[in-house]
Protein backbone atom coordinates (compact mmCIF):
# COMPACT_ATOMS: atom_id res chain seq x y z
CA PRO A 1 3.75 14.14 42.93
CA ALA A 2 0.73 13.27 40.86
CA VAL A 3 -0.15 9.68 40.03
CA GLY A 4 0.64 10.27 36.32
CA ASP A 5 4.18 11.49 37.11
CA ALA A 6 5.04 8.32 39.01
CA GLU A 7 3.89 6.18 36.12
CA LEU A 8 5.98 8.12 33.60
CA SER A 9 9.21 7.88 35.61
CA GLU A 10 9.20 4.07 35.57
CA SER A 11 10.54 2.41 32.45
CA PRO A 12 8.09 -0.07 30.92
CA GLU A 13 9.00 -3.73 30.96
CA LEU A 14 9.55 -5.11 27.48
CA VAL A 15 7.73 -8.34 26.72
CA ARG A 16 8.67 -10.38 23.68
CA PRO A 17 5.74 -11.61 21.60
CA ASN A 18 5.20 -15.33 21.28
CA PRO A 19 6.31 -16.64 17.88
CA PRO A 20 3.47 -17.89 15.67
CA ASP A 21 2.87 -21.61 15.32
CA PRO A 22 4.89 -22.87 12.29
CA LYS A 23 1.80 -24.73 11.04
CA LEU A 24 -0.18 -21.49 11.00
CA VAL A 25 2.62 -19.71 9.14
CA GLU A 26 2.66 -22.43 6.47
CA VAL A 27 -1.12 -22.33 6.06
CA ALA A 28 -1.03 -18.54 5.77
CA LYS A 29 1.66 -18.69 3.07
CA ASN A 30 -0.31 -21.25 1.08
CA SER A 31 -3.52 -19.26 1.50
CA ALA A 32 -1.87 -16.05 0.28
CA SER A 33 -0.43 -17.81 -2.74
CA SER A 34 -3.79 -19.26 -3.78
CA ASP A 35 -5.57 -15.91 -3.21
CA GLU A 36 -3.04 -14.10 -5.40
CA LEU A 37 -3.40 -16.73 -8.10
CA GLU A 38 -7.21 -16.40 -8.05
CA SER A 39 -7.06 -12.60 -8.25
CA ILE A 40 -4.70 -12.77 -11.23
CA GLN A 41 -6.98 -15.22 -13.00
CA GLN A 42 -10.07 -13.11 -12.30
CA THR A 43 -8.56 -9.85 -13.56
CA THR A 44 -10.19 -8.77 -16.81
CA PRO A 45 -8.36 -6.24 -19.01
CA VAL A 46 -10.08 -2.86 -19.42
CA GLU A 47 -10.24 -3.43 -23.18
CA GLU A 48 -12.55 -6.41 -22.60
CA ILE A 49 -14.79 -4.58 -20.11
CA ALA A 50 -15.33 -1.46 -22.25
CA PRO A 51 -13.91 -1.96 -25.77
CA GLU A 52 -15.60 1.23 -27.08
CA VAL A 53 -13.79 3.51 -24.59
CA GLU A 54 -10.53 5.11 -25.67
CA LEU A 55 -7.94 5.25 -22.91
CA ALA A 56 -6.11 8.52 -22.33
CA PRO A 57 -2.38 8.62 -23.08
CA PRO A 58 0.00 8.66 -20.10
CA ALA A 59 0.57 12.08 -18.54
CA GLU A 60 3.78 13.90 -19.36
CA PRO A 61 5.41 16.62 -17.27
CA PRO A 62 5.13 20.15 -18.74
CA GLY A 63 8.06 21.18 -20.91
CA PRO A 64 10.00 24.46 -20.71
CA GLY A 65 7.73 26.12 -23.30
CA ASP A 66 4.42 25.17 -21.67
CA PRO A 67 2.23 28.01 -20.30
CA GLU A 68 2.19 26.57 -16.76
CA ASP A 69 5.98 26.91 -16.55
CA ARG A 70 5.96 30.51 -17.79
CA GLN A 71 3.33 31.52 -15.20
CA ALA A 72 5.36 29.99 -12.37
CA GLU A 73 8.45 32.07 -13.21
CA PRO A 74 8.75 35.55 -11.56
């Protein structure tokens, strides 16, 4: 048998990962919270960035009388 076949027939040994240090978990949670807060505070509405631009209305699905629907029918 080839070397690759022997490797495939053996089942791999499962190794559990080490849990993260609780101090690191706490720091990461606090860091994420402050980053989210900063990004919310720094977000500027589109109306303030470009007040002269008119935003398009939200898209609506085509209705039964729309031309796209009639072309799709056989």
